[in-house]
Amino acid sequence: MQNKFSTRMLAEIGVAVALAVVLNFLKLWRMPQGGSISLEMLPVLVIAFRWGAGAGMFSGLAYGLLQLMFGAYIIHPVQLIMDYPLPYMVLGVAGMFKIRKDKIIQPLKMFWAVVVASALRLIVHIISGVIFFSSYAPEGQNVWVYSTVYNATFLIPTTIVTYIVLIMVMKALENK
């Protein structure tokens, strides 16, 4: 884990953020009121595992802010923060997990890092949904249940697909 932002780290973050934007356009499935299954989390997680939580959070923040340029749905300034930069920024906490032992990737440790980071993203989206999008819940349905089910519908598959691809990417980058 690095404390300083080196030229190499910043270059990798720039490429990762650009790749996340491209991957966001390649959606496997799109939800009707926002959210989709894609590999957009992959580059942010790679940065977090390669450079640590700080770099991962920075790349997530940068990606979340860039998303605002590509069709963001904004109804309130706090919702803007909760639906765009914050959920991707929290993915960087995956970098706090030690996923290597003797320079070898530990898939189970990486799995838990991805699950924790994705769960944090899910929590942010759930809270945003309850506060700002409760009107979409069917009449009589608890808004917490609605927001949880709605957001989990795309985030759980996204997490699974991302983890599977992440294993291959991190193995390929293992000695680099």
N, C-alpha and C. Protein backbone atom coordinates (compact mmCIF):
# COMPACT_ATOMS: atom_id res chain seq x y z
N MET A 1 0.84 -1.18 0.00
CA MET A 1 0.00 0.00 0.00
C MET A 1 0.88 1.23 0.00
N GLN A 2 0.58 2.17 -0.86
CA GLN A 2 1.35 3.39 -1.00
C GLN A 2 0.66 4.54 -0.30
N ASN A 3 1.44 5.45 0.29
CA ASN A 3 0.87 6.64 0.90
C ASN A 3 0.87 7.82 -0.06
N LYS A 4 1.82 7.85 -0.98
CA LYS A 4 1.92 8.96 -1.93
C LYS A 4 1.35 8.54 -3.28
N PHE A 5 0.82 9.52 -3.97
CA PHE A 5 0.33 9.27 -5.32
C PHE A 5 1.50 9.43 -6.28
N SER A 6 2.00 8.33 -6.81
CA SER A 6 3.11 8.36 -7.76
C SER A 6 2.56 8.61 -9.17
N THR A 7 3.47 8.91 -10.07
CA THR A 7 3.08 9.11 -11.46
C THR A 7 2.45 7.85 -12.03
N ARG A 8 3.05 6.70 -11.73
CA ARG A 8 2.51 5.43 -12.23
C ARG A 8 1.11 5.18 -11.67
N MET A 9 0.93 5.44 -10.37
CA MET A 9 -0.38 5.24 -9.75
C MET A 9 -1.43 6.14 -10.40
N LEU A 10 -1.10 7.40 -10.57
CA LEU A 10 -2.06 8.33 -11.18
C LEU A 10 -2.38 7.93 -12.62
N ALA A 11 -1.39 7.45 -13.35
CA ALA A 11 -1.63 6.98 -14.72
C ALA A 11 -2.57 5.78 -14.72
N GLU A 12 -2.33 4.84 -13.81
CA GLU A 12 -3.20 3.66 -13.72
C GLU A 12 -4.62 4.06 -13.31
N ILE A 13 -4.73 5.01 -12.39
CA ILE A 13 -6.06 5.49 -11.98
C ILE A 13 -6.78 6.11 -13.17
N GLY A 14 -6.07 6.92 -13.95
CA GLY A 14 -6.68 7.55 -15.13
C GLY A 14 -7.19 6.52 -16.12
N VAL A 15 -6.38 5.51 -16.39
CA VAL A 15 -6.79 4.45 -17.32
C VAL A 15 -7.97 3.67 -16.73
N ALA A 16 -7.90 3.38 -15.43
CA ALA A 16 -8.97 2.62 -14.78
C ALA A 16 -10.30 3.37 -14.81
N VAL A 17 -10.26 4.65 -14.53
CA VAL A 17 -11.49 5.45 -14.55
C VAL A 17 -12.07 5.50 -15.96
N ALA A 18 -11.22 5.69 -16.96
CA ALA A 18 -11.68 5.69 -18.35
C ALA A 18 -12.29 4.33 -18.71
N LEU A 19 -11.64 3.25 -18.28
CA LEU A 19 -12.16 1.92 -18.55
C LEU A 19 -13.51 1.70 -17.85
N ALA A 20 -13.65 2.20 -16.63
CA ALA A 20 -14.92 2.07 -15.91
C ALA A 20 -16.05 2.77 -16.67
N VAL A 21 -15.75 3.93 -17.24
CA VAL A 21 -16.76 4.65 -18.03
C VAL A 21 -17.17 3.81 -19.24
N VAL A 22 -16.20 3.25 -19.93
CA VAL A 22 -16.50 2.41 -21.10
C VAL A 22 -17.31 1.18 -20.68
N LEU A 23 -16.89 0.52 -19.60
CA LEU A 23 -17.59 -0.68 -19.14
C LEU A 23 -19.02 -0.36 -18.71
N ASN A 24 -19.25 0.85 -18.23
CA ASN A 24 -20.61 1.25 -17.85
C ASN A 24 -21.54 1.30 -19.06
N PHE A 25 -20.98 1.58 -20.23
CA PHE A 25 -21.80 1.61 -21.44
C PHE A 25 -22.12 0.20 -21.95
N LEU A 26 -21.37 -0.78 -21.50
CA LEU A 26 -21.57 -2.18 -21.92
C LEU A 26 -22.38 -2.90 -20.86
N LYS A 27 -23.64 -2.58 -20.77
CA LYS A 27 -24.51 -3.12 -19.73
C LYS A 27 -25.03 -4.50 -20.14
N LEU A 28 -25.02 -5.42 -19.20
CA LEU A 28 -25.60 -6.73 -19.44
C LEU A 28 -27.12 -6.68 -19.26
N TRP A 29 -27.57 -5.76 -18.37
CA TRP A 29 -28.99 -5.62 -18.08
C TRP A 29 -29.21 -4.28 -17.40
N ARG A 30 -30.31 -3.61 -17.70
CA ARG A 30 -30.60 -2.29 -17.14
C ARG A 30 -31.92 -2.32 -16.37
N MET A 31 -31.93 -1.72 -15.18
CA MET A 31 -33.14 -1.61 -14.37
C MET A 31 -33.97 -0.42 -14.86
N PRO A 32 -35.29 -0.47 -14.66
CA PRO A 32 -36.15 0.59 -15.19
C PRO A 32 -35.93 1.97 -14.56
N GLN A 33 -35.64 2.05 -13.27
CA GLN A 33 -35.42 3.34 -12.62
C GLN A 33 -33.96 3.58 -12.27
N GLY A 34 -33.07 3.02 -13.02
CA GLY A 34 -31.64 3.21 -12.77
C GLY A 34 -31.00 1.97 -12.19
N GLY A 35 -29.71 1.86 -12.38
CA GLY A 35 -28.97 0.68 -11.94
C GLY A 35 -28.88 -0.31 -13.08
N SER A 36 -27.77 -1.03 -13.13
CA SER A 36 -27.57 -1.99 -14.20
C SER A 36 -26.52 -3.01 -13.79
N ILE A 37 -26.49 -4.10 -14.54
CA ILE A 37 -25.45 -5.11 -14.35
C ILE A 37 -24.37 -4.82 -15.38
N SER A 38 -23.18 -4.53 -14.90
CA SER A 38 -22.05 -4.26 -15.78
C SER A 38 -20.76 -4.54 -15.01
N LEU A 39 -19.65 -4.32 -15.65
CA LEU A 39 -18.35 -4.52 -15.01
C LEU A 39 -17.71 -3.21 -14.57
N GLU A 40 -18.51 -2.16 -14.39
CA GLU A 40 -17.98 -0.85 -14.06
C GLU A 40 -17.18 -0.81 -12.76
N MET A 41 -17.47 -1.70 -11.82
CA MET A 41 -16.74 -1.72 -10.54
C MET A 41 -15.34 -2.31 -10.68
N LEU A 42 -15.12 -3.11 -11.70
CA LEU A 42 -13.87 -3.84 -11.88
C LEU A 42 -12.63 -2.95 -11.83
N PRO A 43 -12.53 -1.89 -12.62
CA PRO A 43 -11.31 -1.07 -12.59
C PRO A 43 -11.05 -0.41 -11.24
N VAL A 44 -12.12 0.02 -10.57
CA VAL A 44 -11.97 0.65 -9.25
C VAL A 44 -11.41 -0.37 -8.25
N LEU A 45 -11.91 -1.59 -8.30
CA LEU A 45 -11.42 -2.64 -7.40
C LEU A 45 -9.98 -3.03 -7.72
N VAL A 46 -9.63 -3.08 -8.99
CA VAL A 46 -8.24 -3.38 -9.36
C VAL A 46 -7.30 -2.33 -8.77
N ILE A 47 -7.66 -1.06 -8.89
CA ILE A 47 -6.84 0.01 -8.31
C ILE A 47 -6.75 -0.15 -6.80
N ALA A 48 -7.86 -0.45 -6.15
CA ALA A 48 -7.85 -0.62 -4.69
C ALA A 48 -6.92 -1.75 -4.28
N PHE A 49 -6.94 -2.86 -5.00
CA PHE A 49 -6.08 -3.99 -4.65
C PHE A 49 -4.62 -3.73 -5.00
N ARG A 50 -4.37 -3.00 -6.05
CA ARG A 50 -2.98 -2.72 -6.45
C ARG A 50 -2.34 -1.62 -5.62
N TRP A 51 -3.11 -0.58 -5.27
CA TRP A 51 -2.53 0.62 -4.67
C TRP A 51 -3.06 0.96 -3.29
N GLY A 52 -4.07 0.25 -2.82
CA GLY A 52 -4.59 0.51 -1.48
C GLY A 52 -5.91 1.26 -1.49
N ALA A 53 -6.47 1.40 -0.29
CA ALA A 53 -7.80 1.98 -0.13
C ALA A 53 -7.87 3.44 -0.59
N GLY A 54 -6.85 4.23 -0.29
CA GLY A 54 -6.87 5.64 -0.67
C GLY A 54 -6.97 5.83 -2.17
N ALA A 55 -6.14 5.11 -2.90
CA ALA A 55 -6.16 5.19 -4.36
C ALA A 55 -7.47 4.63 -4.91
N GLY A 56 -7.95 3.55 -4.29
CA GLY A 56 -9.23 2.98 -4.72
C GLY A 56 -10.38 3.94 -4.51
N MET A 57 -10.39 4.61 -3.36
CA MET A 57 -11.45 5.58 -3.09
C MET A 57 -11.36 6.77 -4.03
N PHE A 58 -10.14 7.21 -4.32
CA PHE A 58 -9.94 8.32 -5.25
C PHE A 58 -10.44 7.95 -6.64
N SER A 59 -10.12 6.74 -7.10
CA SER A 59 -10.57 6.33 -8.43
C SER A 59 -12.09 6.18 -8.47
N GLY A 60 -12.67 5.66 -7.38
CA GLY A 60 -14.13 5.56 -7.31
C GLY A 60 -14.80 6.92 -7.33
N LEU A 61 -14.22 7.87 -6.60
CA LEU A 61 -14.74 9.23 -6.58
C LEU A 61 -14.67 9.84 -7.98
N ALA A 62 -13.53 9.69 -8.64
CA ALA A 62 -13.36 10.24 -9.99
C ALA A 62 -14.36 9.61 -10.96
N TYR A 63 -14.53 8.30 -10.87
CA TYR A 63 -15.48 7.63 -11.75
C TYR A 63 -16.91 8.10 -11.48
N GLY A 64 -17.27 8.17 -10.20
CA GLY A 64 -18.61 8.63 -9.84
C GLY A 64 -18.90 10.03 -10.35
N LEU A 65 -17.91 10.90 -10.27
CA LEU A 65 -18.09 12.27 -10.77
C LEU A 65 -18.21 12.28 -12.30
N LEU A 66 -17.44 11.44 -12.97
CA LEU A 66 -17.54 11.36 -14.43
C LEU A 66 -18.90 10.85 -14.89
N GLN A 67 -19.51 9.99 -14.09
CA GLN A 67 -20.83 9.47 -14.45
C GLN A 67 -21.86 10.59 -14.58
N LEU A 68 -21.63 11.69 -13.88
CA LEU A 68 -22.56 12.81 -13.95
C LEU A 68 -22.67 13.39 -15.36
N MET A 69 -21.64 13.17 -16.15
CA MET A 69 -21.63 13.70 -17.53
C MET A 69 -22.40 12.81 -18.50
N PHE A 70 -22.77 11.61 -18.08
CA PHE A 70 -23.37 10.65 -19.01
C PHE A 70 -24.78 10.24 -18.58
N GLY A 71 -25.67 11.20 -18.51
CA GLY A 71 -27.08 10.88 -18.27
C GLY A 71 -27.45 10.66 -16.82
N ALA A 72 -26.88 11.41 -15.92
CA ALA A 72 -27.24 11.28 -14.51
C ALA A 72 -28.66 11.78 -14.27
N TYR A 73 -29.35 11.13 -13.37
CA TYR A 73 -30.70 11.53 -12.97
C TYR A 73 -30.58 12.15 -11.58
N ILE A 74 -30.75 13.48 -11.52
CA ILE A 74 -30.51 14.20 -10.27
C ILE A 74 -31.78 14.93 -9.86
N ILE A 75 -32.21 14.68 -8.61
CA ILE A 75 -33.38 15.38 -8.09
C ILE A 75 -33.04 16.24 -6.88
N HIS A 76 -31.86 16.04 -6.31
CA HIS A 76 -31.46 16.79 -5.11
C HIS A 76 -29.93 16.70 -5.00
N PRO A 77 -29.28 17.75 -4.48
CA PRO A 77 -27.81 17.71 -4.35
C PRO A 77 -27.29 16.54 -3.49
N VAL A 78 -28.01 16.20 -2.42
CA VAL A 78 -27.57 15.08 -1.58
C VAL A 78 -27.73 13.77 -2.33
N GLN A 79 -28.81 13.64 -3.09
CA GLN A 79 -29.03 12.44 -3.89
C GLN A 79 -27.93 12.30 -4.94
N LEU A 80 -27.49 13.40 -5.51
CA LEU A 80 -26.39 13.39 -6.48
C LEU A 80 -25.17 12.71 -5.85
N ILE A 81 -24.83 13.12 -4.63
CA ILE A 81 -23.67 12.56 -3.93
C ILE A 81 -23.90 11.09 -3.60
N MET A 82 -25.11 10.76 -3.14
CA MET A 82 -25.40 9.39 -2.69
C MET A 82 -25.55 8.40 -3.84
N ASP A 83 -25.86 8.87 -5.02
CA ASP A 83 -26.04 7.95 -6.15
C ASP A 83 -24.87 7.91 -7.11
N TYR A 84 -23.98 8.86 -7.04
CA TYR A 84 -22.88 8.89 -8.00
C TYR A 84 -21.50 8.78 -7.34
N PRO A 85 -20.91 9.82 -6.77
CA PRO A 85 -19.53 9.62 -6.27
C PRO A 85 -19.42 8.69 -5.05
N LEU A 86 -20.33 8.81 -4.08
CA LEU A 86 -20.17 8.05 -2.83
C LEU A 86 -20.21 6.53 -3.00
N PRO A 87 -21.17 5.96 -3.74
CA PRO A 87 -21.20 4.49 -3.85
C PRO A 87 -19.95 3.90 -4.50
N TYR A 88 -19.36 4.63 -5.43
CA TYR A 88 -18.16 4.12 -6.10
C TYR A 88 -16.92 4.39 -5.26
N MET A 89 -16.97 5.46 -4.50
CA MET A 89 -15.85 5.78 -3.61
C MET A 89 -15.69 4.70 -2.53
N VAL A 90 -16.82 4.22 -1.97
CA VAL A 90 -16.72 3.21 -0.91
C VAL A 90 -16.16 1.89 -1.42
N LEU A 91 -16.19 1.66 -2.72
CA LEU A 91 -15.58 0.44 -3.26
C LEU A 91 -14.09 0.37 -2.94
N GLY A 92 -13.48 1.53 -2.77
CA GLY A 92 -12.05 1.59 -2.48
C GLY A 92 -11.66 0.93 -1.17
N VAL A 93 -12.61 0.74 -0.25
CA VAL A 93 -12.26 0.09 1.01
C VAL A 93 -11.78 -1.34 0.80
N ALA A 94 -12.06 -1.91 -0.36
CA ALA A 94 -11.55 -3.25 -0.67
C ALA A 94 -10.03 -3.28 -0.56
N GLY A 95 -9.40 -2.14 -0.80
CA GLY A 95 -7.94 -2.06 -0.72
C GLY A 95 -7.39 -2.21 0.68
N MET A 96 -8.25 -2.19 1.69
CA MET A 96 -7.81 -2.39 3.08
C MET A 96 -7.55 -3.86 3.39
N PHE A 97 -8.08 -4.74 2.56
CA PHE A 97 -7.92 -6.17 2.77
C PHE A 97 -6.58 -6.64 2.20
N LYS A 98 -5.92 -7.48 2.93
CA LYS A 98 -4.66 -8.08 2.45
C LYS A 98 -5.02 -9.33 1.65
N ILE A 99 -4.99 -9.20 0.33
CA ILE A 99 -5.42 -10.32 -0.52
C ILE A 99 -4.26 -11.18 -1.00
N ARG A 100 -3.04 -10.82 -0.61
CA ARG A 100 -1.87 -11.59 -1.04
C ARG A 100 -1.19 -12.23 0.16
N LYS A 101 -0.69 -13.43 -0.08
CA LYS A 101 0.16 -14.10 0.91
C LYS A 101 1.36 -14.59 0.13
N ASP A 102 2.54 -14.12 0.51
CA ASP A 102 3.76 -14.45 -0.22
C ASP A 102 3.62 -14.10 -1.70
N LYS A 103 3.02 -12.94 -1.98
CA LYS A 103 2.83 -12.40 -3.33
C LYS A 103 1.86 -13.22 -4.19
N ILE A 104 1.12 -14.13 -3.58
CA ILE A 104 0.15 -14.94 -4.31
C ILE A 104 -1.26 -14.45 -3.93
N ILE A 105 -2.10 -14.23 -4.93
CA ILE A 105 -3.47 -13.78 -4.70
C ILE A 105 -4.25 -14.85 -3.94
N GLN A 106 -4.97 -14.44 -2.92
CA GLN A 106 -5.82 -15.32 -2.13
C GLN A 106 -7.28 -15.06 -2.54
N PRO A 107 -7.86 -15.91 -3.40
CA PRO A 107 -9.21 -15.64 -3.92
C PRO A 107 -10.28 -15.49 -2.83
N LEU A 108 -10.18 -16.25 -1.74
CA LEU A 108 -11.20 -16.15 -0.70
C LEU A 108 -11.12 -14.79 0.00
N LYS A 109 -9.92 -14.31 0.26
CA LYS A 109 -9.77 -12.98 0.88
C LYS A 109 -10.26 -11.90 -0.08
N MET A 110 -9.96 -12.07 -1.35
CA MET A 110 -10.43 -11.11 -2.34
C MET A 110 -11.96 -11.14 -2.42
N PHE A 111 -12.54 -12.33 -2.31
CA PHE A 111 -14.00 -12.46 -2.32
C PHE A 111 -14.61 -11.63 -1.21
N TRP A 112 -14.09 -11.77 0.01
CA TRP A 112 -14.66 -11.03 1.14
C TRP A 112 -14.44 -9.53 1.00
N ALA A 113 -13.33 -9.13 0.43
CA ALA A 113 -13.08 -7.70 0.19
C ALA A 113 -14.12 -7.15 -0.79
N VAL A 114 -14.39 -7.89 -1.85
CA VAL A 114 -15.38 -7.46 -2.84
C VAL A 114 -16.78 -7.44 -2.23
N VAL A 115 -17.10 -8.44 -1.43
CA VAL A 115 -18.42 -8.50 -0.79
C VAL A 115 -18.62 -7.31 0.16
N VAL A 116 -17.62 -7.02 0.98
CA VAL A 116 -17.73 -5.89 1.91
C VAL A 116 -17.86 -4.57 1.15
N ALA A 117 -17.02 -4.37 0.15
CA ALA A 117 -17.08 -3.13 -0.64
C ALA A 117 -18.43 -2.99 -1.35
N SER A 118 -18.91 -4.08 -1.94
CA SER A 118 -20.20 -4.05 -2.64
C SER A 118 -21.35 -3.83 -1.66
N ALA A 119 -21.24 -4.42 -0.47
CA ALA A 119 -22.27 -4.22 0.55
C ALA A 119 -22.34 -2.75 0.97
N LEU A 120 -21.19 -2.11 1.09
CA LEU A 120 -21.18 -0.68 1.41
C LEU A 120 -21.84 0.13 0.30
N ARG A 121 -21.53 -0.23 -0.93
CA ARG A 121 -22.18 0.45 -2.07
C ARG A 121 -23.69 0.23 -2.01
N LEU A 122 -24.10 -1.00 -1.73
CA LEU A 122 -25.53 -1.32 -1.63
C LEU A 122 -26.20 -0.50 -0.54
N ILE A 123 -25.57 -0.37 0.61
CA ILE A 123 -26.14 0.40 1.72
C ILE A 123 -26.37 1.85 1.30
N VAL A 124 -25.39 2.44 0.63
CA VAL A 124 -25.54 3.83 0.17
C VAL A 124 -26.72 3.94 -0.79
N HIS A 125 -26.83 3.01 -1.74
CA HIS A 125 -27.94 3.05 -2.69
C HIS A 125 -29.29 2.83 -2.00
N ILE A 126 -29.33 1.94 -1.02
CA ILE A 126 -30.58 1.69 -0.29
C ILE A 126 -31.04 2.95 0.43
N ILE A 127 -30.13 3.59 1.13
CA ILE A 127 -30.48 4.82 1.86
C ILE A 127 -30.97 5.89 0.89
N SER A 128 -30.27 6.05 -0.22
CA SER A 128 -30.70 7.02 -1.23
C SER A 128 -32.09 6.68 -1.75
N GLY A 129 -32.32 5.41 -1.99
CA GLY A 129 -33.63 4.97 -2.48
C GLY A 129 -34.75 5.26 -1.50
N VAL A 130 -34.49 5.02 -0.22
CA VAL A 130 -35.50 5.28 0.80
C VAL A 130 -35.80 6.77 0.90
N ILE A 131 -34.75 7.59 0.88
CA ILE A 131 -34.94 9.03 1.04
C ILE A 131 -35.54 9.68 -0.20
N PHE A 132 -35.04 9.33 -1.37
CA PHE A 132 -35.39 10.09 -2.57
C PHE A 132 -36.32 9.37 -3.55
N PHE A 133 -36.44 8.06 -3.46
CA PHE A 133 -37.22 7.34 -4.46
C PHE A 133 -38.31 6.46 -3.85
N SER A 134 -38.74 6.78 -2.65
CA SER A 134 -39.76 5.96 -1.98
C SER A 134 -41.09 5.99 -2.71
N SER A 135 -41.32 7.01 -3.52
CA SER A 135 -42.58 7.10 -4.26
C SER A 135 -42.73 5.99 -5.30
N TYR A 136 -41.62 5.34 -5.67
CA TYR A 136 -41.68 4.24 -6.63
C TYR A 136 -42.14 2.93 -5.99
N ALA A 137 -42.11 2.86 -4.67
CA ALA A 137 -42.52 1.64 -3.97
C ALA A 137 -44.02 1.42 -4.17
N PRO A 138 -44.43 0.18 -4.43
CA PRO A 138 -45.86 -0.10 -4.55
C PRO A 138 -46.58 0.26 -3.25
N GLU A 139 -47.81 0.70 -3.39
CA GLU A 139 -48.58 1.10 -2.22
C GLU A 139 -48.66 -0.04 -1.21
N GLY A 140 -48.38 0.29 0.03
CA GLY A 140 -48.43 -0.70 1.10
C GLY A 140 -47.13 -1.44 1.34
N GLN A 141 -46.15 -1.29 0.45
CA GLN A 141 -44.87 -1.98 0.63
C GLN A 141 -43.91 -1.10 1.42
N ASN A 142 -43.22 -1.71 2.35
CA ASN A 142 -42.23 -1.01 3.14
C ASN A 142 -41.14 -0.47 2.22
N VAL A 143 -40.82 0.84 2.36
CA VAL A 143 -39.85 1.46 1.46
C VAL A 143 -38.45 0.88 1.64
N TRP A 144 -38.11 0.43 2.84
CA TRP A 144 -36.79 -0.18 3.07
C TRP A 144 -36.69 -1.50 2.32
N VAL A 145 -37.75 -2.28 2.38
CA VAL A 145 -37.77 -3.56 1.65
C VAL A 145 -37.70 -3.29 0.15
N TYR A 146 -38.50 -2.35 -0.33
CA TYR A 146 -38.51 -2.02 -1.75
C TYR A 146 -37.12 -1.59 -2.23
N SER A 147 -36.51 -0.66 -1.51
CA SER A 147 -35.19 -0.15 -1.92
C SER A 147 -34.13 -1.24 -1.86
N THR A 148 -34.20 -2.08 -0.83
CA THR A 148 -33.23 -3.17 -0.70
C THR A 148 -33.37 -4.16 -1.85
N VAL A 149 -34.58 -4.59 -2.11
CA VAL A 149 -34.81 -5.57 -3.19
C VAL A 149 -34.44 -4.97 -4.54
N TYR A 150 -34.87 -3.73 -4.78
CA TYR A 150 -34.58 -3.09 -6.06
C TYR A 150 -33.07 -3.01 -6.30
N ASN A 151 -32.34 -2.48 -5.33
CA ASN A 151 -30.90 -2.29 -5.52
C ASN A 151 -30.13 -3.61 -5.50
N ALA A 152 -30.56 -4.56 -4.69
CA ALA A 152 -29.89 -5.86 -4.65
C ALA A 152 -30.09 -6.62 -5.96
N THR A 153 -31.19 -6.35 -6.65
CA THR A 153 -31.49 -7.04 -7.91
C THR A 153 -30.40 -6.83 -8.95
N PHE A 154 -29.77 -5.66 -8.95
CA PHE A 154 -28.68 -5.46 -9.91
C PHE A 154 -27.31 -5.54 -9.25
N LEU A 155 -27.21 -5.21 -7.97
CA LEU A 155 -25.88 -5.19 -7.35
C LEU A 155 -25.34 -6.59 -7.01
N ILE A 156 -26.19 -7.50 -6.63
CA ILE A 156 -25.70 -8.86 -6.34
C ILE A 156 -25.15 -9.52 -7.61
N PRO A 157 -25.90 -9.53 -8.73
CA PRO A 157 -25.31 -10.09 -9.95
C PRO A 157 -24.07 -9.33 -10.42
N THR A 158 -24.08 -8.00 -10.28
CA THR A 158 -22.90 -7.21 -10.65
C THR A 158 -21.69 -7.63 -9.84
N THR A 159 -21.89 -7.84 -8.55
CA THR A 159 -20.80 -8.25 -7.67
C THR A 159 -20.26 -9.62 -8.07
N ILE A 160 -21.14 -10.55 -8.36
CA ILE A 160 -20.72 -11.90 -8.75
C ILE A 160 -19.93 -11.88 -10.05
N VAL A 161 -20.47 -11.22 -11.06
CA VAL A 161 -19.79 -11.15 -12.36
C VAL A 161 -18.44 -10.43 -12.21
N THR A 162 -18.44 -9.33 -11.47
CA THR A 162 -17.20 -8.58 -11.27
C THR A 162 -16.16 -9.42 -10.57
N TYR A 163 -16.56 -10.16 -9.54
CA TYR A 163 -15.60 -10.99 -8.81
C TYR A 163 -14.98 -12.06 -9.72
N ILE A 164 -15.80 -12.69 -10.53
CA ILE A 164 -15.30 -13.75 -11.42
C ILE A 164 -14.25 -13.18 -12.38
N VAL A 165 -14.55 -12.03 -12.98
CA VAL A 165 -13.60 -11.41 -13.90
C VAL A 165 -12.38 -10.88 -13.14
N LEU A 166 -12.62 -10.35 -11.94
CA LEU A 166 -11.54 -9.80 -11.12
C LEU A 166 -10.48 -10.85 -10.78
N ILE A 167 -10.91 -12.06 -10.50
CA ILE A 167 -9.95 -13.14 -10.22
C ILE A 167 -8.99 -13.30 -11.39
N MET A 168 -9.53 -13.34 -12.60
CA MET A 168 -8.68 -13.51 -13.78
C MET A 168 -7.76 -12.31 -13.99
N VAL A 169 -8.29 -11.11 -13.81
CA VAL A 169 -7.48 -9.90 -14.00
C VAL A 169 -6.36 -9.84 -12.97
N MET A 170 -6.68 -10.08 -11.71
CA MET A 170 -5.66 -9.99 -10.66
C MET A 170 -4.60 -11.08 -10.81
N LYS A 171 -5.00 -12.27 -11.25
CA LYS A 171 -4.02 -13.33 -11.51
C LYS A 171 -3.08 -12.91 -12.63
N ALA A 172 -3.63 -12.28 -13.67
CA ALA A 172 -2.81 -11.81 -14.79
C ALA A 172 -1.85 -10.70 -14.36
N LEU A 173 -2.28 -9.89 -13.40
CA LEU A 173 -1.45 -8.78 -12.91
C LEU A 173 -0.55 -9.17 -11.73
N GLU A 174 -0.64 -10.41 -11.30
CA GLU A 174 0.03 -10.88 -10.09
C GLU A 174 1.51 -10.53 -10.03
N ASN A 175 2.21 -10.66 -11.10
CA ASN A 175 3.65 -10.43 -11.08
C ASN A 175 4.04 -9.10 -11.71
N LYS A 176 3.11 -8.22 -11.87
CA LYS A 176 3.40 -6.92 -12.50
C LYS A 176 3.37 -5.81 -11.49
